[in-house]
């Protein structure tokens, strides 16, 4: 009876899904890694240069998501958005992924706690919300990616102090199909001229360059 009740509850859970697809990770340390992308709708931030229409989504059940994911061959799942950490019942879905043997990566803005089921954390703090990060953010990530939407040097130094990471990346900001690559690598050089500080690397959205999803 308990299992039947639990299954009934699980069948009523739904999630706002923008898209689920299989491709290669296009940026950061895991560039080129075959992955299934589960992109959630909704976000707790509003960045004017965001390239995801996270408010256009459909409601998917747990069973629908699992069926779609299992139709692909990759055993890596990238949980992205929008902002995944604001999703109710996210842990239920992640438990199901782990039981099926998937390696779980999350892409998050780093303002809310990351679920324990996640194997790899990629966080992208946003300079526009610097004051929010001063109040609270996650203490650790495997990689940090900051978009150089303007002068982000002070913000990068702040995040170095707040988020311990194995890798730090600076990414150009793309607006109307144009990337501020020169400004980005100029700031990258300034970061890396400092002594006894973390070294930053350039991260490009290579999936856009080669023309894959």
N, C-alpha and C. Protein backbone atom coordinates (compact mmCIF):
# COMPACT_ATOMS: atom_id res chain seq x y z
N UNK A 1 0.83 -1.21 0.00
CA UNK A 1 0.00 0.00 0.00
C UNK A 1 0.87 1.26 0.00
N UNK A 2 1.97 1.21 0.78
CA UNK A 2 2.86 2.37 0.85
C UNK A 2 3.49 2.65 -0.50
N UNK A 3 3.93 1.59 -1.20
CA UNK A 3 4.55 1.77 -2.51
C UNK A 3 3.55 2.34 -3.51
N UNK A 4 2.30 1.88 -3.43
CA UNK A 4 1.27 2.38 -4.33
C UNK A 4 1.02 3.87 -4.09
N UNK A 5 0.98 4.25 -2.81
CA UNK A 5 0.77 5.66 -2.48
C UNK A 5 1.95 6.50 -2.97
N UNK A 6 3.17 5.99 -2.77
CA UNK A 6 4.36 6.72 -3.22
C UNK A 6 4.36 6.89 -4.73
N UNK A 7 4.00 5.83 -5.45
CA UNK A 7 3.96 5.91 -6.92
C UNK A 7 2.91 6.91 -7.38
N UNK A 8 1.80 6.98 -6.65
CA UNK A 8 0.74 7.93 -6.99
C UNK A 8 1.24 9.36 -6.82
N UNK A 9 1.96 9.59 -5.72
CA UNK A 9 2.52 10.93 -5.47
C UNK A 9 3.54 11.29 -6.55
N UNK A 10 4.42 10.35 -6.89
CA UNK A 10 5.44 10.61 -7.91
C UNK A 10 4.81 10.94 -9.25
N UNK A 11 3.69 10.28 -9.56
CA UNK A 11 3.05 10.50 -10.86
C UNK A 11 2.43 11.89 -10.98
N UNK A 12 2.23 12.56 -9.83
CA UNK A 12 1.64 13.90 -9.87
C UNK A 12 2.68 15.00 -9.93
N UNK A 13 3.97 14.65 -9.73
CA UNK A 13 5.03 15.66 -9.76
C UNK A 13 5.34 16.04 -11.20
N UNK A 14 5.47 17.33 -11.45
CA UNK A 14 5.84 17.80 -12.79
C UNK A 14 6.90 18.88 -12.68
N UNK A 15 7.60 19.11 -13.79
CA UNK A 15 8.72 20.05 -13.83
C UNK A 15 8.60 20.94 -15.07
N UNK A 16 8.99 22.23 -14.96
CA UNK A 16 8.98 23.13 -16.12
C UNK A 16 10.20 22.87 -17.00
N UNK A 17 9.99 22.27 -18.15
CA UNK A 17 11.10 21.89 -19.02
C UNK A 17 11.09 22.73 -20.30
N UNK A 18 12.20 23.39 -20.57
CA UNK A 18 12.37 24.13 -21.83
C UNK A 18 12.71 23.17 -22.95
N UNK A 19 13.67 22.26 -22.69
CA UNK A 19 14.08 21.28 -23.69
C UNK A 19 14.95 20.21 -23.05
N UNK A 20 14.97 19.04 -23.68
CA UNK A 20 15.87 17.96 -23.33
C UNK A 20 16.48 17.46 -24.63
N UNK A 21 17.80 17.44 -24.71
CA UNK A 21 18.45 17.03 -25.94
C UNK A 21 19.84 16.47 -25.63
N UNK A 22 20.42 15.77 -26.59
CA UNK A 22 21.75 15.21 -26.44
C UNK A 22 22.72 15.96 -27.35
N UNK A 23 23.87 16.32 -26.82
CA UNK A 23 24.86 17.03 -27.61
C UNK A 23 26.22 16.90 -26.91
N UNK A 24 27.13 17.81 -27.23
CA UNK A 24 28.43 17.89 -26.57
C UNK A 24 28.46 19.12 -25.69
N UNK A 25 29.06 18.98 -24.51
CA UNK A 25 29.26 20.17 -23.68
C UNK A 25 30.12 21.16 -24.44
N UNK A 26 29.67 22.40 -24.54
CA UNK A 26 30.35 23.37 -25.39
C UNK A 26 31.29 24.31 -24.68
N UNK A 27 31.29 24.31 -23.34
CA UNK A 27 32.11 25.30 -22.63
C UNK A 27 32.64 24.75 -21.32
N UNK A 28 33.66 25.43 -20.79
CA UNK A 28 34.21 25.05 -19.51
C UNK A 28 35.14 23.85 -19.57
N UNK A 29 35.43 23.28 -18.41
CA UNK A 29 36.41 22.21 -18.29
C UNK A 29 36.00 20.96 -19.05
N UNK A 30 34.71 20.68 -19.12
CA UNK A 30 34.22 19.46 -19.76
C UNK A 30 33.84 19.64 -21.23
N UNK A 31 34.40 20.65 -21.87
CA UNK A 31 34.12 20.88 -23.29
C UNK A 31 34.35 19.60 -24.10
N UNK A 32 33.35 19.25 -24.90
CA UNK A 32 33.43 18.06 -25.74
C UNK A 32 32.80 16.83 -25.12
N UNK A 33 32.42 16.88 -23.85
CA UNK A 33 31.86 15.72 -23.17
C UNK A 33 30.45 15.43 -23.68
N UNK A 34 30.21 14.22 -24.22
CA UNK A 34 28.84 13.87 -24.65
C UNK A 34 27.90 13.94 -23.45
N UNK A 35 26.79 14.62 -23.63
CA UNK A 35 25.90 14.87 -22.50
C UNK A 35 24.45 14.98 -22.94
N UNK A 36 23.57 14.67 -22.01
CA UNK A 36 22.15 14.94 -22.17
C UNK A 36 21.85 16.20 -21.38
N UNK A 37 21.29 17.20 -22.04
CA UNK A 37 20.97 18.47 -21.40
C UNK A 37 19.50 18.47 -20.98
N UNK A 38 19.27 18.67 -19.69
CA UNK A 38 17.91 18.84 -19.18
C UNK A 38 17.79 20.30 -18.75
N UNK A 39 17.09 21.08 -19.58
CA UNK A 39 17.02 22.53 -19.35
C UNK A 39 15.68 22.90 -18.72
N UNK A 40 15.77 23.43 -17.50
CA UNK A 40 14.57 23.85 -16.77
C UNK A 40 14.16 25.27 -17.13
N UNK A 41 12.89 25.54 -17.01
CA UNK A 41 12.38 26.89 -17.12
C UNK A 41 12.48 27.62 -15.79
N UNK A 42 12.26 28.90 -15.82
CA UNK A 42 12.23 29.79 -14.66
C UNK A 42 13.64 30.07 -14.13
N UNK A 43 13.80 31.29 -13.58
CA UNK A 43 15.09 31.69 -13.03
C UNK A 43 14.86 32.70 -11.92
N UNK A 44 15.80 32.79 -10.99
CA UNK A 44 15.72 33.77 -9.92
C UNK A 44 16.51 35.04 -10.22
N UNK A 45 17.08 35.12 -11.44
CA UNK A 45 17.76 36.32 -11.91
C UNK A 45 17.22 36.70 -13.28
N UNK A 46 17.49 37.93 -13.69
CA UNK A 46 17.07 38.40 -15.02
C UNK A 46 18.25 39.13 -15.66
N UNK A 47 19.03 38.41 -16.44
CA UNK A 47 20.20 38.99 -17.09
C UNK A 47 19.83 39.39 -18.52
N UNK A 48 20.07 40.64 -18.91
CA UNK A 48 19.62 41.12 -20.22
C UNK A 48 20.26 40.41 -21.39
N UNK A 49 21.44 39.80 -21.20
CA UNK A 49 22.13 39.14 -22.29
C UNK A 49 21.91 37.63 -22.30
N UNK A 50 21.02 37.13 -21.45
CA UNK A 50 20.78 35.68 -21.37
C UNK A 50 20.33 35.13 -22.72
N UNK A 51 20.90 33.98 -23.12
CA UNK A 51 20.59 33.41 -24.43
C UNK A 51 19.57 32.28 -24.35
N UNK A 52 18.88 32.15 -23.21
CA UNK A 52 17.89 31.10 -23.04
C UNK A 52 16.52 31.70 -22.77
N UNK A 53 15.52 31.27 -23.54
CA UNK A 53 14.14 31.71 -23.31
C UNK A 53 13.55 30.83 -22.21
N UNK A 54 13.97 31.10 -20.98
CA UNK A 54 13.62 30.21 -19.87
C UNK A 54 12.17 30.35 -19.40
N UNK A 55 11.44 31.29 -19.93
CA UNK A 55 10.03 31.42 -19.57
C UNK A 55 9.10 30.75 -20.59
N UNK A 56 9.69 30.09 -21.58
CA UNK A 56 8.90 29.29 -22.52
C UNK A 56 9.19 27.83 -22.23
N UNK A 57 8.26 27.18 -21.58
CA UNK A 57 8.49 25.80 -21.16
C UNK A 57 7.18 25.03 -21.13
N UNK A 58 7.31 23.71 -21.01
CA UNK A 58 6.16 22.83 -20.87
C UNK A 58 6.29 22.04 -19.58
N UNK A 59 5.17 21.57 -19.06
CA UNK A 59 5.17 20.79 -17.84
C UNK A 59 5.39 19.31 -18.19
N UNK A 60 6.47 18.74 -17.67
CA UNK A 60 6.80 17.33 -17.91
C UNK A 60 6.70 16.56 -16.60
N UNK A 61 6.17 15.35 -16.66
CA UNK A 61 6.15 14.48 -15.49
C UNK A 61 7.52 13.83 -15.32
N UNK A 62 7.73 13.27 -14.16
CA UNK A 62 8.96 12.54 -13.88
C UNK A 62 9.14 11.41 -14.89
N UNK A 63 8.07 10.69 -15.15
CA UNK A 63 8.14 9.56 -16.08
C UNK A 63 8.49 10.01 -17.50
N UNK A 64 7.93 11.14 -17.93
CA UNK A 64 8.23 11.66 -19.27
C UNK A 64 9.70 12.05 -19.40
N UNK A 65 10.22 12.70 -18.35
CA UNK A 65 11.63 13.11 -18.37
C UNK A 65 12.54 11.89 -18.44
N UNK A 66 12.27 10.90 -17.60
CA UNK A 66 13.10 9.69 -17.58
C UNK A 66 13.06 8.98 -18.92
N UNK A 67 11.88 8.89 -19.51
CA UNK A 67 11.75 8.21 -20.80
C UNK A 67 12.56 8.93 -21.88
N UNK A 68 12.51 10.26 -21.88
CA UNK A 68 13.26 11.03 -22.87
C UNK A 68 14.76 10.87 -22.68
N UNK A 69 15.20 10.98 -21.42
CA UNK A 69 16.62 10.85 -21.12
C UNK A 69 17.15 9.47 -21.51
N UNK A 70 16.38 8.43 -21.21
CA UNK A 70 16.82 7.07 -21.49
C UNK A 70 16.80 6.73 -22.98
N UNK A 71 16.20 7.60 -23.78
CA UNK A 71 16.21 7.37 -25.23
C UNK A 71 17.55 7.75 -25.86
N UNK A 72 18.42 8.41 -25.08
CA UNK A 72 19.74 8.81 -25.56
C UNK A 72 20.80 7.86 -25.03
N UNK A 73 21.99 7.91 -25.63
CA UNK A 73 23.04 6.95 -25.28
C UNK A 73 23.98 7.46 -24.18
N UNK A 74 24.11 8.77 -24.01
CA UNK A 74 25.06 9.31 -23.05
C UNK A 74 24.67 8.95 -21.62
N UNK A 75 25.67 8.81 -20.76
CA UNK A 75 25.43 8.56 -19.34
C UNK A 75 25.78 9.79 -18.48
N UNK A 76 25.97 10.93 -19.14
CA UNK A 76 26.20 12.20 -18.44
C UNK A 76 24.98 13.09 -18.62
N UNK A 77 24.48 13.66 -17.55
CA UNK A 77 23.36 14.59 -17.63
C UNK A 77 23.81 15.95 -17.12
N UNK A 78 23.53 17.00 -17.90
CA UNK A 78 23.79 18.37 -17.45
C UNK A 78 22.45 19.00 -17.09
N UNK A 79 22.30 19.32 -15.81
CA UNK A 79 21.10 19.97 -15.29
C UNK A 79 21.32 21.47 -15.42
N UNK A 80 20.51 22.13 -16.24
CA UNK A 80 20.76 23.53 -16.53
C UNK A 80 19.44 24.29 -16.59
N UNK A 81 19.48 25.54 -17.00
CA UNK A 81 18.26 26.34 -17.01
C UNK A 81 18.38 27.54 -17.90
N UNK A 82 17.64 28.62 -17.51
CA UNK A 82 17.03 28.87 -16.22
C UNK A 82 17.94 28.60 -15.04
N UNK A 83 17.31 28.37 -13.90
CA UNK A 83 18.06 28.05 -12.69
C UNK A 83 17.52 26.78 -12.05
N UNK A 84 18.28 25.69 -12.13
CA UNK A 84 17.79 24.41 -11.62
C UNK A 84 17.52 24.38 -10.12
N UNK A 85 18.31 25.10 -9.33
CA UNK A 85 18.21 24.95 -7.87
C UNK A 85 16.93 25.53 -7.29
N UNK A 86 16.15 26.27 -8.08
CA UNK A 86 14.89 26.83 -7.56
C UNK A 86 13.72 25.89 -7.81
N UNK A 87 13.96 24.74 -8.44
CA UNK A 87 12.88 23.84 -8.82
C UNK A 87 12.39 23.01 -7.64
N UNK A 88 11.10 23.05 -7.33
CA UNK A 88 10.55 22.16 -6.31
C UNK A 88 10.72 20.69 -6.72
N UNK A 89 10.96 19.84 -5.78
CA UNK A 89 11.07 18.39 -6.02
C UNK A 89 12.25 18.01 -6.93
N UNK A 90 13.25 18.89 -7.02
CA UNK A 90 14.40 18.57 -7.86
C UNK A 90 15.09 17.31 -7.36
N UNK A 91 15.18 17.16 -6.04
CA UNK A 91 15.85 15.99 -5.48
C UNK A 91 15.23 14.68 -5.89
N UNK A 92 13.91 14.67 -6.06
CA UNK A 92 13.22 13.44 -6.49
C UNK A 92 13.70 13.03 -7.88
N UNK A 93 13.80 13.99 -8.77
CA UNK A 93 14.27 13.71 -10.13
C UNK A 93 15.73 13.28 -10.12
N UNK A 94 16.56 13.96 -9.34
CA UNK A 94 17.97 13.61 -9.28
C UNK A 94 18.18 12.22 -8.71
N UNK A 95 17.38 11.85 -7.71
CA UNK A 95 17.45 10.49 -7.17
C UNK A 95 17.16 9.45 -8.26
N UNK A 96 16.18 9.75 -9.10
CA UNK A 96 15.83 8.82 -10.18
C UNK A 96 16.97 8.71 -11.19
N UNK A 97 17.62 9.84 -11.50
CA UNK A 97 18.77 9.81 -12.41
C UNK A 97 19.91 8.99 -11.82
N UNK A 98 20.19 9.20 -10.53
CA UNK A 98 21.29 8.47 -9.90
C UNK A 98 21.01 6.96 -9.85
N UNK A 99 19.76 6.61 -9.57
CA UNK A 99 19.39 5.19 -9.54
C UNK A 99 19.57 4.54 -10.91
N UNK A 100 19.46 5.35 -11.97
CA UNK A 100 19.64 4.85 -13.33
C UNK A 100 21.09 4.89 -13.77
N UNK A 101 21.99 5.36 -12.89
CA UNK A 101 23.42 5.28 -13.17
C UNK A 101 24.02 6.45 -13.91
N UNK A 102 23.39 7.62 -13.85
CA UNK A 102 23.90 8.78 -14.57
C UNK A 102 24.88 9.59 -13.72
N UNK A 103 25.86 10.21 -14.40
CA UNK A 103 26.76 11.19 -13.81
C UNK A 103 26.09 12.55 -13.96
N UNK A 104 25.94 13.28 -12.85
CA UNK A 104 25.15 14.50 -12.86
C UNK A 104 26.00 15.76 -12.71
N UNK A 105 25.85 16.65 -13.67
CA UNK A 105 26.49 17.97 -13.67
C UNK A 105 25.40 19.01 -13.52
N UNK A 106 25.64 20.04 -12.73
CA UNK A 106 24.69 21.14 -12.64
C UNK A 106 25.35 22.43 -13.09
N UNK A 107 24.59 23.24 -13.83
CA UNK A 107 25.01 24.60 -14.17
C UNK A 107 24.08 25.54 -13.41
N UNK A 108 24.65 26.31 -12.49
CA UNK A 108 23.87 27.13 -11.58
C UNK A 108 24.48 28.50 -11.42
N UNK A 109 23.64 29.48 -11.04
CA UNK A 109 24.21 30.81 -10.78
C UNK A 109 24.86 30.89 -9.40
N UNK A 110 24.71 29.85 -8.59
CA UNK A 110 25.44 29.77 -7.34
C UNK A 110 24.84 30.48 -6.14
N UNK A 111 23.61 30.94 -6.26
CA UNK A 111 23.00 31.65 -5.14
C UNK A 111 22.29 30.74 -4.16
N UNK A 112 21.92 29.53 -4.61
CA UNK A 112 21.21 28.59 -3.74
C UNK A 112 22.01 27.30 -3.60
N UNK A 113 21.76 26.59 -2.55
CA UNK A 113 22.48 25.36 -2.25
C UNK A 113 22.32 24.33 -3.36
N UNK A 114 23.38 23.63 -3.67
CA UNK A 114 23.36 22.59 -4.70
C UNK A 114 22.97 21.26 -4.08
N UNK A 115 22.05 20.51 -4.71
CA UNK A 115 21.63 19.22 -4.15
C UNK A 115 22.79 18.24 -4.01
N UNK A 116 22.69 17.39 -3.02
CA UNK A 116 23.77 16.45 -2.69
C UNK A 116 24.00 15.41 -3.78
N UNK A 117 23.02 15.18 -4.64
CA UNK A 117 23.15 14.15 -5.67
C UNK A 117 24.09 14.57 -6.80
N UNK A 118 24.42 15.85 -6.88
CA UNK A 118 25.22 16.37 -7.99
C UNK A 118 26.68 15.92 -7.86
N UNK A 119 27.25 15.47 -8.98
CA UNK A 119 28.64 15.01 -9.02
C UNK A 119 29.63 16.11 -9.40
N UNK A 120 29.16 17.12 -10.16
CA UNK A 120 30.07 18.15 -10.67
C UNK A 120 29.30 19.47 -10.73
N UNK A 121 29.89 20.51 -10.13
CA UNK A 121 29.23 21.82 -10.06
C UNK A 121 29.95 22.82 -10.95
N UNK A 122 29.21 23.39 -11.89
CA UNK A 122 29.71 24.51 -12.70
C UNK A 122 28.83 25.72 -12.36
N UNK A 123 29.42 26.74 -11.82
CA UNK A 123 28.63 27.90 -11.42
C UNK A 123 29.03 29.14 -12.21
N UNK A 124 28.04 29.95 -12.53
CA UNK A 124 28.27 31.17 -13.29
C UNK A 124 27.68 32.37 -12.54
N UNK A 125 28.42 32.90 -11.57
CA UNK A 125 27.94 34.08 -10.84
C UNK A 125 27.79 35.27 -11.78
N UNK A 126 26.83 36.13 -11.48
CA UNK A 126 26.51 37.25 -12.36
C UNK A 126 26.87 38.58 -11.73
N UNK A 127 27.71 39.35 -12.44
CA UNK A 127 28.17 40.64 -11.93
C UNK A 127 27.01 41.59 -11.64
N UNK A 128 25.95 41.52 -12.42
CA UNK A 128 24.81 42.40 -12.23
C UNK A 128 24.20 42.27 -10.84
N UNK A 129 24.42 41.12 -10.22
CA UNK A 129 23.83 40.84 -8.91
C UNK A 129 24.93 40.68 -7.85
N UNK A 130 25.95 41.51 -7.98
CA UNK A 130 27.12 41.41 -7.09
C UNK A 130 26.72 41.49 -5.62
N UNK A 131 25.76 42.35 -5.28
CA UNK A 131 25.36 42.50 -3.89
C UNK A 131 24.73 41.22 -3.34
N UNK A 132 24.00 40.50 -4.17
CA UNK A 132 23.41 39.22 -3.73
C UNK A 132 24.51 38.24 -3.36
N UNK A 133 25.58 38.20 -4.16
CA UNK A 133 26.68 37.28 -3.89
C UNK A 133 27.46 37.68 -2.65
N UNK A 134 27.49 38.97 -2.35
CA UNK A 134 28.16 39.43 -1.14
C UNK A 134 27.44 38.90 0.10
N UNK A 135 26.12 38.75 -0.02
CA UNK A 135 25.33 38.26 1.11
C UNK A 135 25.41 36.74 1.26
N UNK A 136 25.34 36.03 0.12
CA UNK A 136 25.33 34.57 0.21
C UNK A 136 25.56 33.95 -1.16
N UNK A 137 26.37 32.88 -1.18
CA UNK A 137 26.52 32.07 -2.39
C UNK A 137 27.11 30.73 -1.97
N UNK A 138 27.18 29.80 -2.90
CA UNK A 138 27.74 28.49 -2.58
C UNK A 138 29.24 28.64 -2.28
N UNK A 139 29.79 27.83 -1.39
CA UNK A 139 31.20 27.99 -1.01
C UNK A 139 32.17 27.25 -1.92
N UNK A 140 31.67 26.30 -2.73
CA UNK A 140 32.56 25.48 -3.55
C UNK A 140 31.91 25.16 -4.89
N UNK A 141 32.75 25.10 -5.93
CA UNK A 141 32.33 24.61 -7.24
C UNK A 141 33.54 23.98 -7.90
N UNK A 142 33.30 23.03 -8.77
CA UNK A 142 34.42 22.47 -9.53
C UNK A 142 34.94 23.50 -10.53
N UNK A 143 34.03 24.29 -11.08
CA UNK A 143 34.46 25.37 -11.96
C UNK A 143 33.56 26.58 -11.81
N UNK A 144 34.18 27.75 -11.94
CA UNK A 144 33.48 29.04 -11.95
C UNK A 144 33.62 29.62 -13.34
N UNK A 145 32.50 30.07 -13.91
CA UNK A 145 32.53 30.78 -15.19
C UNK A 145 31.85 32.13 -15.01
N UNK A 146 32.57 33.19 -15.27
CA UNK A 146 32.00 34.54 -15.18
C UNK A 146 31.97 35.16 -16.56
N UNK A 147 30.81 35.68 -16.93
CA UNK A 147 30.65 36.36 -18.21
C UNK A 147 31.13 37.80 -18.07
N UNK A 148 32.03 38.20 -18.95
CA UNK A 148 32.61 39.55 -18.91
C UNK A 148 31.67 40.53 -19.62
N UNK A 149 30.53 40.80 -18.98
CA UNK A 149 29.55 41.68 -19.61
C UNK A 149 29.99 43.14 -19.55
N UNK A 150 30.83 43.48 -18.57
CA UNK A 150 31.47 44.80 -18.49
C UNK A 150 32.82 44.57 -17.82
N UNK A 151 33.30 45.52 -17.05
CA UNK A 151 34.51 45.32 -16.28
C UNK A 151 34.16 44.45 -15.07
N UNK A 152 34.69 43.24 -15.06
CA UNK A 152 34.32 42.29 -14.01
C UNK A 152 35.50 41.96 -13.09
N UNK A 153 36.58 42.71 -13.17
CA UNK A 153 37.78 42.38 -12.40
C UNK A 153 37.51 42.34 -10.90
N UNK A 154 36.84 43.35 -10.37
CA UNK A 154 36.54 43.37 -8.94
C UNK A 154 35.64 42.20 -8.56
N UNK A 155 34.69 41.92 -9.43
CA UNK A 155 33.76 40.83 -9.14
C UNK A 155 34.48 39.48 -9.15
N UNK A 156 35.38 39.29 -10.11
CA UNK A 156 36.16 38.05 -10.16
C UNK A 156 36.95 37.86 -8.87
N UNK A 157 37.57 38.94 -8.38
CA UNK A 157 38.34 38.85 -7.15
C UNK A 157 37.44 38.55 -5.96
N UNK A 158 36.25 39.12 -5.96
CA UNK A 158 35.29 38.82 -4.90
C UNK A 158 34.92 37.35 -4.90
N UNK A 159 34.61 36.81 -6.08
CA UNK A 159 34.18 35.41 -6.19
C UNK A 159 35.32 34.46 -5.84
N UNK A 160 36.55 34.83 -6.15
CA UNK A 160 37.70 34.01 -5.74
C UNK A 160 37.70 33.80 -4.23
N UNK A 161 37.33 34.85 -3.50
CA UNK A 161 37.32 34.78 -2.04
C UNK A 161 36.13 33.98 -1.52
N UNK A 162 35.04 33.99 -2.26
CA UNK A 162 33.81 33.38 -1.77
C UNK A 162 33.62 31.94 -2.22
N UNK A 163 34.06 31.62 -3.43
CA UNK A 163 33.82 30.28 -3.98
C UNK A 163 35.16 29.63 -4.30
N UNK A 164 35.49 28.62 -3.54
CA UNK A 164 36.69 27.83 -3.83
C UNK A 164 36.41 26.94 -5.03
N UNK A 165 37.27 27.00 -6.03
CA UNK A 165 37.03 26.23 -7.25
C UNK A 165 38.32 25.62 -7.78
N UNK A 166 38.16 24.55 -8.53
CA UNK A 166 39.31 23.91 -9.17
C UNK A 166 39.72 24.66 -10.43
N UNK A 167 38.75 25.31 -11.07
CA UNK A 167 39.00 26.03 -12.33
C UNK A 167 38.18 27.32 -12.33
N UNK A 168 38.82 28.40 -12.82
CA UNK A 168 38.13 29.68 -12.98
C UNK A 168 38.19 30.08 -14.45
N UNK A 169 37.03 30.45 -14.99
CA UNK A 169 36.95 30.81 -16.41
C UNK A 169 36.31 32.18 -16.59
N UNK A 170 36.78 32.89 -17.61
CA UNK A 170 36.17 34.13 -18.05
C UNK A 170 35.60 33.89 -19.44
N UNK A 171 34.35 34.30 -19.63
CA UNK A 171 33.67 34.08 -20.92
C UNK A 171 33.24 35.40 -21.52
N UNK A 172 33.37 35.54 -22.84
CA UNK A 172 32.88 36.76 -23.48
C UNK A 172 31.37 36.85 -23.41
N UNK A 173 30.87 38.05 -23.46
CA UNK A 173 29.43 38.29 -23.47
C UNK A 173 28.97 38.45 -24.91
N UNK A 174 27.94 37.74 -25.28
CA UNK A 174 27.41 37.81 -26.64
C UNK A 174 26.09 38.57 -26.65
N UNK A 175 26.03 39.63 -27.45
CA UNK A 175 24.82 40.42 -27.62
C UNK A 175 24.57 40.61 -29.11
N UNK A 176 23.39 40.21 -29.57
CA UNK A 176 23.04 40.33 -30.99
C UNK A 176 24.07 39.65 -31.89
N UNK A 177 24.57 38.50 -31.44
CA UNK A 177 25.50 37.73 -32.25
C UNK A 177 26.94 38.20 -32.22
N UNK A 178 27.25 39.23 -31.44
CA UNK A 178 28.61 39.75 -31.36
C UNK A 178 29.19 39.50 -29.98
N UNK A 179 30.43 39.01 -29.93
CA UNK A 179 31.11 38.74 -28.68
C UNK A 179 32.17 39.81 -28.40
N UNK A 180 32.27 40.24 -27.15
CA UNK A 180 33.30 41.22 -26.77
C UNK A 180 34.59 40.49 -26.42
N UNK A 181 35.13 39.80 -27.40
CA UNK A 181 36.28 38.92 -27.17
C UNK A 181 37.53 39.70 -26.77
N UNK A 182 37.78 40.83 -27.43
CA UNK A 182 38.97 41.62 -27.10
C UNK A 182 38.92 42.11 -25.65
N UNK A 183 37.77 42.65 -25.25
CA UNK A 183 37.63 43.13 -23.88
C UNK A 183 37.81 41.98 -22.88
N UNK A 184 37.31 40.82 -23.26
CA UNK A 184 37.37 39.67 -22.36
C UNK A 184 38.82 39.20 -22.16
N UNK A 185 39.56 39.04 -23.25
CA UNK A 185 40.93 38.55 -23.09
C UNK A 185 41.83 39.61 -22.46
N UNK A 186 41.47 40.89 -22.63
CA UNK A 186 42.22 41.95 -21.96
C UNK A 186 42.08 41.81 -20.44
N UNK A 187 40.85 41.59 -19.99
CA UNK A 187 40.62 41.40 -18.55
C UNK A 187 41.24 40.10 -18.07
N UNK A 188 41.22 39.08 -18.92
CA UNK A 188 41.85 37.80 -18.56
C UNK A 188 43.34 38.00 -18.28
N UNK A 189 43.99 38.77 -19.14
CA UNK A 189 45.41 39.04 -18.94
C UNK A 189 45.67 39.81 -17.66
N UNK A 190 44.78 40.75 -17.34
CA UNK A 190 44.95 41.52 -16.11
C UNK A 190 44.81 40.63 -14.88
N UNK A 191 43.86 39.70 -14.92
CA UNK A 191 43.68 38.77 -13.80
C UNK A 191 44.93 37.91 -13.61
N UNK A 192 45.49 37.47 -14.71
CA UNK A 192 46.61 36.52 -14.64
C UNK A 192 47.97 37.20 -14.44
N UNK A 193 48.01 38.53 -14.43
CA UNK A 193 49.24 39.24 -14.08
C UNK A 193 49.45 39.33 -12.57
N UNK A 194 48.40 39.06 -11.82
CA UNK A 194 48.51 39.16 -10.37
C UNK A 194 49.38 38.01 -9.83
N UNK A 195 50.06 38.28 -8.77
CA UNK A 195 50.91 37.26 -8.17
C UNK A 195 50.16 36.51 -7.07
N UNK A 196 50.42 35.20 -6.99
CA UNK A 196 49.87 34.35 -5.94
C UNK A 196 48.34 34.39 -5.89
N UNK A 197 47.74 34.45 -7.08
CA UNK A 197 46.28 34.44 -7.22
C UNK A 197 45.89 33.31 -8.18
N UNK A 198 44.65 32.86 -8.11
CA UNK A 198 44.21 31.81 -9.04
C UNK A 198 44.38 32.23 -10.49
N UNK A 199 44.75 31.29 -11.34
CA UNK A 199 44.86 31.56 -12.77
C UNK A 199 43.50 31.34 -13.44
N UNK A 200 43.14 32.25 -14.31
CA UNK A 200 41.87 32.18 -15.03
C UNK A 200 42.13 31.74 -16.46
N UNK A 201 41.16 31.06 -17.04
CA UNK A 201 41.24 30.60 -18.41
C UNK A 201 40.07 31.16 -19.22
N UNK A 202 40.21 31.14 -20.53
CA UNK A 202 39.14 31.59 -21.42
C UNK A 202 38.20 30.43 -21.72
N UNK A 203 36.92 30.67 -21.61
CA UNK A 203 35.91 29.68 -21.98
C UNK A 203 35.00 30.26 -23.05
N UNK A 204 34.98 29.61 -24.20
CA UNK A 204 34.12 30.03 -25.30
C UNK A 204 32.96 29.07 -25.45
N UNK A 205 31.85 29.56 -25.96
CA UNK A 205 30.72 28.68 -26.25
C UNK A 205 30.98 28.01 -27.60
N UNK A 206 31.81 26.98 -27.55
CA UNK A 206 32.27 26.34 -28.79
C UNK A 206 31.13 25.66 -29.55
N UNK A 207 30.07 25.31 -28.87
CA UNK A 207 28.94 24.69 -29.56
C UNK A 207 28.31 25.66 -30.57
N UNK A 208 28.35 26.95 -30.25
CA UNK A 208 27.84 27.95 -31.19
C UNK A 208 28.81 28.13 -32.35
N UNK A 209 30.10 28.06 -32.07
CA UNK A 209 31.11 28.24 -33.11
C UNK A 209 31.04 27.14 -34.15
N UNK A 210 30.87 25.88 -33.68
CA UNK A 210 30.83 24.74 -34.63
C UNK A 210 29.43 24.44 -35.14
N UNK A 211 28.42 25.14 -34.59
CA UNK A 211 27.08 25.01 -35.12
C UNK A 211 26.29 23.80 -34.64
N UNK A 212 26.49 23.41 -33.35
CA UNK A 212 25.67 22.35 -32.78
C UNK A 212 24.82 22.94 -31.66
N UNK A 213 23.84 22.17 -31.23
CA UNK A 213 22.92 22.65 -30.21
C UNK A 213 23.61 22.70 -28.85
